Amino acid sequence: MTAPTRPVRSAPQRAARPATPGIRIVIADDHPVVRIGVRNMLQSDRAMEVVGECGDGDEAITQTLELLPDILLLDVYMPRLPGIEAMRAIMNGSPTVKIILLTSTISTQQIIEALQIGARGIVLKDALADHLTAAIRAVMGGDYWIGGRRVVNLVGALHELMQQVAVPDRKTFGLTPREMEVVGCIVEGCSNRDIAKQFSLSEETVKRHLSNIFDKTGVSTRLELAMFAIAHHLVNLQQ
């Protein structure tokens, strides 16, 4: 006898994989209309997810530290605590969040200060429709967004900004002439080996100079030193 044929069972369907997590965003602006407009703009992009909204600087700090978003869109002028001061607190508590400032108007000096504190981008509110998603993608890619464009070289962008502001009296912060020369080399992107070769020093001596410079200026990395030097006019920015 022929064995009865068993019905062929279809293979069980695999559960669909969850979608790739989107860019998690918190919106901090004291104007509800702006928050609604920005939220609607971002929700049209599947790669972006608004996870929180707030209306003042204190709430911006609380939500950012609790939700740990990828991006914080932070209004510069807000009640209770201005955006710049809120950013200082956030960078102390959650330095991994990438902050993009939203503003109707901002001075060059404020832009420089914001970048020193840790802002990754500045977007004017009258250009939100044109620039916001591009700014978010640029910042998530590791770059900056300044002056309506993606910026890869932050130090170079700061050079350009500093040429737009009046130069105050130069302070040296107790740096020796040799240390000032080393600072200039750091701004130019020189390595320790380059500096040692330029001034006929050992690399160990260059490291000691850098350690002294870090102590006197209160910075801890070469990038921070370059930004500090530009902001405080320790280098000659004339091309």
C-alpha atoms as a PDB file:
ATOM      1  CA  MET A   1       0.000   0.000   0.000  1.00  0.00           C
ATOM      2  CA  THR A   2       1.090   3.498  -0.656  1.00  0.00           C
ATOM      3  CA  ALA A   3       1.553   5.577   2.493  1.00  0.00           C
ATOM      4  CA  PRO A   4      -0.937   8.430   2.731  1.00  0.00           C
ATOM      5  CA  THR A   5       0.449  11.723   1.625  1.00  0.00           C
ATOM      6  CA  ARG A   6       0.798  14.238   4.430  1.00  0.00           C
ATOM      7  CA  PRO A   7      -0.350  17.756   3.711  1.00  0.00           C
ATOM      8  CA  VAL A   8       2.516  20.133   3.154  1.00  0.00           C
ATOM      9  CA  ARG A   9       2.634  22.802   5.823  1.00  0.00           C
ATOM     10  CA  SER A  10       3.718  26.234   4.878  1.00  0.00           C
ATOM     11  CA  ALA A  11       6.781  27.496   6.723  1.00  0.00           C
ATOM     12  CA  PRO A  12       5.914  29.733   9.650  1.00  0.00           C
ATOM     13  CA  GLN A  13       6.283  33.392   8.808  1.00  0.00           C
ATOM     14  CA  ARG A  14       9.080  35.149  10.624  1.00  0.00           C
ATOM     15  CA  ALA A  15       8.181  38.134  12.692  1.00  0.00           C
ATOM     16  CA  ALA A  16       9.045  41.361  10.931  1.00  0.00           C
ATOM     17  CA  ARG A  17      12.218  42.945  12.179  1.00  0.00           C
ATOM     18  CA  PRO A  18      11.689  46.146  14.086  1.00  0.00           C
ATOM     19  CA  ALA A  19      12.435  49.260  12.138  1.00  0.00           C
ATOM     20  CA  THR A  20      15.824  50.822  12.596  1.00  0.00           C
ATOM     21  CA  PRO A  21      15.628  53.216  15.551  1.00  0.00           C
ATOM     22  CA  GLY A  22      15.202  56.768  14.390  1.00  0.00           C
ATOM     23  CA  ILE A  23      17.085  59.868  15.450  1.00  0.00           C
ATOM     24  CA  ARG A  24      15.615  60.671  18.859  1.00  0.00           C
ATOM     25  CA  ILE A  25      14.891  64.384  19.240  1.00  0.00           C
ATOM     26  CA  VAL A  26      13.747  66.698  22.039  1.00  0.00           C
ATOM     27  CA  ILE A  27      12.308  70.104  21.077  1.00  0.00           C
ATOM     28  CA  ALA A  28      12.797  72.946  23.588  1.00  0.00           C
ATOM     29  CA  ASP A  29      11.054  76.201  22.649  1.00  0.00           C
ATOM     30  CA  ASP A  30       8.749  78.446  24.673  1.00  0.00           C
ATOM     31  CA  HIS A  31       6.415  79.076  21.702  1.00  0.00           C
ATOM     32  CA  PRO A  32       3.896  76.221  21.243  1.00  0.00           C
ATOM     33  CA  VAL A  33       3.375  77.162  17.589  1.00  0.00           C
ATOM     34  CA  VAL A  34       7.086  76.713  16.904  1.00  0.00           C
ATOM     35  CA  ARG A  35       7.127  73.355  18.691  1.00  0.00           C
ATOM     36  CA  ILE A  36       4.110  72.134  16.719  1.00  0.00           C
ATOM     37  CA  GLY A  37       5.616  73.292  13.433  1.00  0.00           C
ATOM     38  CA  VAL A  38       8.982  71.667  14.122  1.00  0.00           C
ATOM     39  CA  ARG A  39       7.336  68.438  15.330  1.00  0.00           C
ATOM     40  CA  ASN A  40       5.175  68.188  12.200  1.00  0.00           C
ATOM     41  CA  MET A  41       8.182  68.894  10.016  1.00  0.00           C
ATOM     42  CA  LEU A  42      10.239  66.140  11.649  1.00  0.00           C
ATOM     43  CA  GLN A  43       7.451  63.570  11.829  1.00  0.00           C
ATOM     44  CA  SER A  44       7.259  63.577   8.033  1.00  0.00           C
ATOM     45  CA  ASP A  45      10.726  61.982   8.050  1.00  0.00           C
ATOM     46  CA  ARG A  46      10.672  58.320   9.153  1.00  0.00           C
ATOM     47  CA  ALA A  47      14.287  58.540  10.293  1.00  0.00           C
ATOM     48  CA  MET A  48      13.413  61.092  12.989  1.00  0.00           C
ATOM     49  CA  GLU A  49      11.398  60.635  16.175  1.00  0.00           C
ATOM     50  CA  VAL A  50      10.327  63.424  18.541  1.00  0.00           C
ATOM     51  CA  VAL A  51      10.545  61.912  22.034  1.00  0.00           C
ATOM     52  CA  GLY A  52       9.982  65.034  24.135  1.00  0.00           C
ATOM     53  CA  GLU A  53       8.965  68.686  24.137  1.00  0.00           C
ATOM     54  CA  CYS A  54       9.462  71.462  26.689  1.00  0.00           C
ATOM     55  CA  GLY A  55       8.881  75.171  27.059  1.00  0.00           C
ATOM     56  CA  ASP A  56      11.705  76.570  29.208  1.00  0.00           C
ATOM     57  CA  GLY A  57      15.370  76.087  29.997  1.00  0.00           C
ATOM     58  CA  ASP A  58      14.859  74.148  33.229  1.00  0.00           C
ATOM     59  CA  GLU A  59      12.553  71.651  31.507  1.00  0.00           C
ATOM     60  CA  ALA A  60      15.065  71.315  28.681  1.00  0.00           C
ATOM     61  CA  ILE A  61      17.730  70.227  31.167  1.00  0.00           C
ATOM     62  CA  THR A  62      15.405  67.778  32.945  1.00  0.00           C
ATOM     63  CA  GLN A  63      14.035  66.142  29.785  1.00  0.00           C
ATOM     64  CA  THR A  64      17.419  65.890  28.111  1.00  0.00           C
ATOM     65  CA  LEU A  65      19.043  64.206  31.097  1.00  0.00           C
ATOM     66  CA  GLU A  66      16.072  61.843  31.542  1.00  0.00           C
ATOM     67  CA  LEU A  67      15.391  60.941  27.903  1.00  0.00           C
ATOM     68  CA  LEU A  68      18.998  61.082  26.607  1.00  0.00           C
ATOM     69  CA  PRO A  69      18.008  62.043  23.047  1.00  0.00           C
ATOM     70  CA  ASP A  70      20.416  62.054  20.122  1.00  0.00           C
ATOM     71  CA  ILE A  71      19.522  65.665  19.291  1.00  0.00           C
ATOM     72  CA  LEU A  72      18.269  68.575  21.380  1.00  0.00           C
ATOM     73  CA  LEU A  73      16.727  71.445  19.419  1.00  0.00           C
ATOM     74  CA  LEU A  74      17.167  74.314  21.864  1.00  0.00           C
ATOM     75  CA  ASP A  75      15.772  77.830  21.593  1.00  0.00           C
ATOM     76  CA  VAL A  76      18.362  80.458  22.519  1.00  0.00           C
ATOM     77  CA  TYR A  77      15.884  82.792  24.254  1.00  0.00           C
ATOM     78  CA  MET A  78      13.641  81.025  26.773  1.00  0.00           C
ATOM     79  CA  PRO A  79      12.055  81.854  30.152  1.00  0.00           C
ATOM     80  CA  ARG A  80      13.466  80.722  33.514  1.00  0.00           C
ATOM     81  CA  LEU A  81      16.851  79.828  32.004  1.00  0.00           C
ATOM     82  CA  PRO A  82      18.271  81.048  28.661  1.00  0.00           C
ATOM     83  CA  GLY A  83      19.261  78.422  26.121  1.00  0.00           C
ATOM     84  CA  ILE A  84      23.002  79.111  26.410  1.00  0.00           C
ATOM     85  CA  GLU A  85      22.938  78.584  30.192  1.00  0.00           C
ATOM     86  CA  ALA A  86      20.751  75.488  29.859  1.00  0.00           C
ATOM     87  CA  MET A  87      23.281  74.128  27.378  1.00  0.00           C
ATOM     88  CA  ARG A  88      26.104  74.559  29.902  1.00  0.00           C
ATOM     89  CA  ALA A  89      24.239  72.413  32.434  1.00  0.00           C
ATOM     90  CA  ILE A  90      23.296  69.803  29.835  1.00  0.00           C
ATOM     91  CA  MET A  91      26.848  69.450  28.541  1.00  0.00           C
ATOM     92  CA  ASN A  92      28.053  68.907  32.095  1.00  0.00           C
ATOM     93  CA  GLY A  93      25.448  66.188  32.702  1.00  0.00           C
ATOM     94  CA  SER A  94      25.095  64.573  29.275  1.00  0.00           C
ATOM     95  CA  PRO A  95      27.946  65.552  26.960  1.00  0.00           C
ATOM     96  CA  THR A  96      26.934  62.979  24.326  1.00  0.00           C
ATOM     97  CA  VAL A  97      23.748  64.823  23.290  1.00  0.00           C
ATOM     98  CA  LYS A  98      24.176  66.922  20.165  1.00  0.00           C
ATOM     99  CA  ILE A  99      22.635  70.376  20.570  1.00  0.00           C
ATOM    100  CA  ILE A 100      21.336  72.494  17.699  1.00  0.00           C
ATOM    101  CA  LEU A 101      20.311  76.019  18.662  1.00  0.00           C
ATOM    102  CA  LEU A 102      17.160  77.513  17.154  1.00  0.00           C
ATOM    103  CA  THR A 103      16.939  81.290  17.101  1.00  0.00           C
ATOM    104  CA  SER A 104      15.430  84.260  15.306  1.00  0.00           C
ATOM    105  CA  THR A 105      18.584  86.305  15.804  1.00  0.00           C
ATOM    106  CA  ILE A 106      22.046  85.633  17.209  1.00  0.00           C
ATOM    107  CA  SER A 107      25.280  87.617  17.310  1.00  0.00           C
ATOM    108  CA  THR A 108      28.609  86.317  16.067  1.00  0.00           C
ATOM    109  CA  GLN A 109      29.955  86.454  19.621  1.00  0.00           C
ATOM    110  CA  GLN A 110      27.030  84.312  20.833  1.00  0.00           C
ATOM    111  CA  ILE A 111      27.713  81.771  18.096  1.00  0.00           C
ATOM    112  CA  ILE A 112      31.349  81.555  19.168  1.00  0.00           C
ATOM    113  CA  GLU A 113      30.351  81.156  22.823  1.00  0.00           C
ATOM    114  CA  ALA A 114      27.789  78.472  21.962  1.00  0.00           C
ATOM    115  CA  LEU A 115      30.313  76.482  19.933  1.00  0.00           C
ATOM    116  CA  GLN A 116      32.831  76.723  22.770  1.00  0.00           C
ATOM    117  CA  ILE A 117      30.280  75.312  25.206  1.00  0.00           C
ATOM    118  CA  GLY A 118      29.426  72.427  22.898  1.00  0.00           C
ATOM    119  CA  ALA A 119      26.707  73.402  20.400  1.00  0.00           C
ATOM    120  CA  ARG A 120      26.907  71.478  17.152  1.00  0.00           C
ATOM    121  CA  GLY A 121      24.723  73.726  15.037  1.00  0.00           C
ATOM    122  CA  ILE A 122      22.765  76.963  14.776  1.00  0.00           C
ATOM    123  CA  VAL A 123      19.606  77.200  12.649  1.00  0.00           C
ATOM    124  CA  LEU A 124      17.690  80.441  12.127  1.00  0.00           C
ATOM    125  CA  LYS A 125      13.946  80.051  12.624  1.00  0.00           C
ATOM    126  CA  ASP A 126      13.109  81.719   9.324  1.00  0.00           C
ATOM    127  CA  ALA A 127      15.156  78.984   7.602  1.00  0.00           C
ATOM    128  CA  LEU A 128      13.782  75.966   9.473  1.00  0.00           C
ATOM    129  CA  ALA A 129      11.977  74.522   6.463  1.00  0.00           C
ATOM    130  CA  ASP A 130      15.106  74.730   4.315  1.00  0.00           C
ATOM    131  CA  HIS A 131      17.819  73.846   6.814  1.00  0.00           C
ATOM    132  CA  LEU A 132      16.573  71.915   9.853  1.00  0.00           C
ATOM    133  CA  THR A 133      16.651  68.320   8.599  1.00  0.00           C
ATOM    134  CA  ALA A 134      19.921  68.959   6.750  1.00  0.00           C
ATOM    135  CA  ALA A 135      21.407  70.392   9.949  1.00  0.00           C
ATOM    136  CA  ILE A 136      20.285  67.362  11.969  1.00  0.00           C
ATOM    137  CA  ARG A 137      21.808  64.945   9.464  1.00  0.00           C
ATOM    138  CA  ALA A 138      25.057  66.928   9.319  1.00  0.00           C
ATOM    139  CA  VAL A 139      25.364  66.941  13.104  1.00  0.00           C
ATOM    140  CA  MET A 140      24.480  63.239  13.393  1.00  0.00           C
ATOM    141  CA  GLY A 141      27.199  62.596  10.824  1.00  0.00           C
ATOM    142  CA  GLY A 142      29.784  64.189  13.109  1.00  0.00           C
ATOM    143  CA  ASP A 143      29.964  67.611  11.450  1.00  0.00           C
ATOM    144  CA  TYR A 144      28.630  71.048  12.409  1.00  0.00           C
ATOM    145  CA  TRP A 145      25.982  73.343  10.919  1.00  0.00           C
ATOM    146  CA  ILE A 146      26.962  77.027  10.953  1.00  0.00           C
ATOM    147  CA  GLY A 147      25.817  79.868   8.743  1.00  0.00           C
ATOM    148  CA  GLY A 148      23.358  77.727   6.811  1.00  0.00           C
ATOM    149  CA  ARG A 149      25.890  75.112   5.738  1.00  0.00           C
ATOM    150  CA  ARG A 150      27.601  71.904   6.828  1.00  0.00           C
ATOM    151  CA  VAL A 151      30.969  72.600   8.456  1.00  0.00           C
ATOM    152  CA  VAL A 152      33.643  69.915   8.742  1.00  0.00           C
ATOM    153  CA  ASN A 153      36.529  72.055   9.996  1.00  0.00           C
ATOM    154  CA  LEU A 154      35.303  73.757  13.186  1.00  0.00           C
ATOM    155  CA  VAL A 155      38.563  75.575  13.827  1.00  0.00           C
ATOM    156  CA  GLY A 156      38.508  77.042  10.322  1.00  0.00           C
ATOM    157  CA  ALA A 157      34.909  78.180  10.793  1.00  0.00           C
ATOM    158  CA  LEU A 158      35.851  79.836  14.080  1.00  0.00           C
ATOM    159  CA  HIS A 159      38.657  81.674  12.301  1.00  0.00           C
ATOM    160  CA  GLU A 160      36.105  83.151   9.914  1.00  0.00           C
ATOM    161  CA  LEU A 161      33.731  84.087  12.736  1.00  0.00           C
ATOM    162  CA  MET A 162      36.441  85.767  14.798  1.00  0.00           C
ATOM    163  CA  GLN A 163      37.388  87.969  11.865  1.00  0.00           C
ATOM    164  CA  GLN A 164      33.878  89.437  12.067  1.00  0.00           C
ATOM    165  CA  VAL A 165      34.153  90.687  15.655  1.00  0.00           C
ATOM    166  CA  ALA A 166      36.195  93.450  17.200  1.00  0.00           C
ATOM    167  CA  VAL A 167      39.516  92.328  18.646  1.00  0.00           C
ATOM    168  CA  PRO A 168      39.859  93.227  22.350  1.00  0.00           C
ATOM    169  CA  ASP A 169      43.132  93.649  24.184  1.00  0.00           C
ATOM    170  CA  ARG A 170      45.110  90.443  23.998  1.00  0.00           C
ATOM    171  CA  LYS A 171      45.520  88.435  27.204  1.00  0.00           C
ATOM    172  CA  THR A 172      48.137  85.746  27.585  1.00  0.00           C
ATOM    173  CA  PHE A 173      46.775  83.855  30.644  1.00  0.00           C
ATOM    174  CA  GLY A 174      50.314  83.537  31.970  1.00  0.00           C
ATOM    175  CA  LEU A 175      51.583  81.686  28.902  1.00  0.00           C
ATOM    176  CA  THR A 176      55.256  82.070  28.082  1.00  0.00           C
ATOM    177  CA  PRO A 177      56.352  83.172  24.591  1.00  0.00           C
ATOM    178  CA  ARG A 178      57.280  79.560  23.739  1.00  0.00           C
ATOM    179  CA  GLU A 179      53.909  78.315  24.989  1.00  0.00           C
ATOM    180  CA  MET A 180      52.193  80.944  22.843  1.00  0.00           C
ATOM    181  CA  GLU A 181      54.099  79.606  19.835  1.00  0.00           C
ATOM    182  CA  VAL A 182      52.952  76.067  20.684  1.00  0.00           C
ATOM    183  CA  VAL A 183      49.359  77.284  20.919  1.00  0.00           C
ATOM    184  CA  GLY A 184      49.655  78.793  17.452  1.00  0.00           C
ATOM    185  CA  CYS A 185      50.894  75.470  16.105  1.00  0.00           C
ATOM    186  CA  ILE A 186      47.967  73.622  17.718  1.00  0.00           C
ATOM    187  CA  VAL A 187      45.497  75.969  16.021  1.00  0.00           C
ATOM    188  CA  GLU A 188      47.204  75.186  12.710  1.00  0.00           C
ATOM    189  CA  GLY A 189      46.701  71.457  13.364  1.00  0.00           C
ATOM    190  CA  CYS A 190      50.347  70.534  13.971  1.00  0.00           C
ATOM    191  CA  SER A 191      51.251  67.279  15.706  1.00  0.00           C
ATOM    192  CA  ASN A 192      53.712  67.082  18.605  1.00  0.00           C
ATOM    193  CA  ARG A 193      56.325  65.829  16.163  1.00  0.00           C
ATOM    194  CA  ASP A 194      55.717  68.802  13.837  1.00  0.00           C
ATOM    195  CA  ILE A 195      56.085  71.244  16.751  1.00  0.00           C
ATOM    196  CA  ALA A 196      59.243  69.543  17.998  1.00  0.00           C
ATOM    197  CA  LYS A 197      60.798  69.705  14.542  1.00  0.00           C
ATOM    198  CA  GLN A 198      59.812  73.360  13.994  1.00  0.00           C
ATOM    199  CA  PHE A 199      61.377  74.574  17.250  1.00  0.00           C
ATOM    200  CA  SER A 200      64.188  71.990  17.544  1.00  0.00           C
ATOM    201  CA  LEU A 201      62.680  70.462  20.696  1.00  0.00           C
ATOM    202  CA  SER A 202      62.147  66.912  21.872  1.00  0.00           C
ATOM    203  CA  GLU A 203      58.599  65.563  21.728  1.00  0.00           C
ATOM    204  CA  GLU A 204      58.772  65.111  25.507  1.00  0.00           C
ATOM    205  CA  THR A 205      59.428  68.835  25.887  1.00  0.00           C
ATOM    206  CA  VAL A 206      56.469  69.620  23.650  1.00  0.00           C
ATOM    207  CA  LYS A 207      54.280  67.390  25.842  1.00  0.00           C
ATOM    208  CA  ARG A 208      55.422  69.306  28.939  1.00  0.00           C
ATOM    209  CA  HIS A 209      54.597  72.607  27.236  1.00  0.00           C
ATOM    210  CA  LEU A 210      51.129  71.307  26.365  1.00  0.00           C
ATOM    211  CA  SER A 211      50.550  70.108  29.919  1.00  0.00           C
ATOM    212  CA  ASN A 212      51.441  73.574  31.241  1.00  0.00           C
ATOM    213  CA  ILE A 213      49.232  75.239  28.639  1.00  0.00           C
ATOM    214  CA  PHE A 214      46.266  73.012  29.542  1.00  0.00           C
ATOM    215  CA  ASP A 215      46.710  73.887  33.223  1.00  0.00           C
ATOM    216  CA  LYS A 216      46.879  77.633  32.570  1.00  0.00           C
ATOM    217  CA  THR A 217      43.925  77.760  30.184  1.00  0.00           C
ATOM    218  CA  GLY A 218      41.713  75.186  31.894  1.00  0.00           C
ATOM    219  CA  VAL A 219      41.209  73.029  28.800  1.00  0.00           C
ATOM    220  CA  SER A 220      41.851  69.306  28.423  1.00  0.00           C
ATOM    221  CA  THR A 221      42.057  68.555  24.684  1.00  0.00           C
ATOM    222  CA  ARG A 222      43.790  69.994  21.632  1.00  0.00           C
ATOM    223  CA  LEU A 223      40.453  70.946  20.053  1.00  0.00           C
ATOM    224  CA  GLU A 224      39.376  72.773  23.219  1.00  0.00           C
ATOM    225  CA  LEU A 225      42.726  74.572  23.247  1.00  0.00           C
ATOM    226  CA  ALA A 226      42.333  75.649  19.608  1.00  0.00           C
ATOM    227  CA  MET A 227      38.832  76.968  20.294  1.00  0.00           C
ATOM    228  CA  PHE A 228      39.993  78.722  23.466  1.00  0.00           C
ATOM    229  CA  ALA A 229      42.917  80.318  21.617  1.00  0.00           C
ATOM    230  CA  ILE A 230      40.660  81.636  18.864  1.00  0.00           C
ATOM    231  CA  ALA A 231      37.991  82.925  21.235  1.00  0.00           C
ATOM    232  CA  HIS A 232      40.583  84.722  23.404  1.00  0.00           C
ATOM    233  CA  HIS A 233      42.671  86.025  20.489  1.00  0.00           C
ATOM    234  CA  LEU A 234      45.821  84.143  21.463  1.00  0.00           C
ATOM    235  CA  VAL A 235      46.642  83.679  17.781  1.00  0.00           C
ATOM    236  CA  ASN A 236      46.869  86.037  14.842  1.00  0.00           C
ATOM    237  CA  LEU A 237      43.991  85.167  12.521  1.00  0.00           C
ATOM    238  CA  GLN A 238      45.130  87.295   9.618  1.00  0.00           C
ATOM    239  CA  GLN A 239      45.611  85.180   6.533  1.00  0.00           C
END
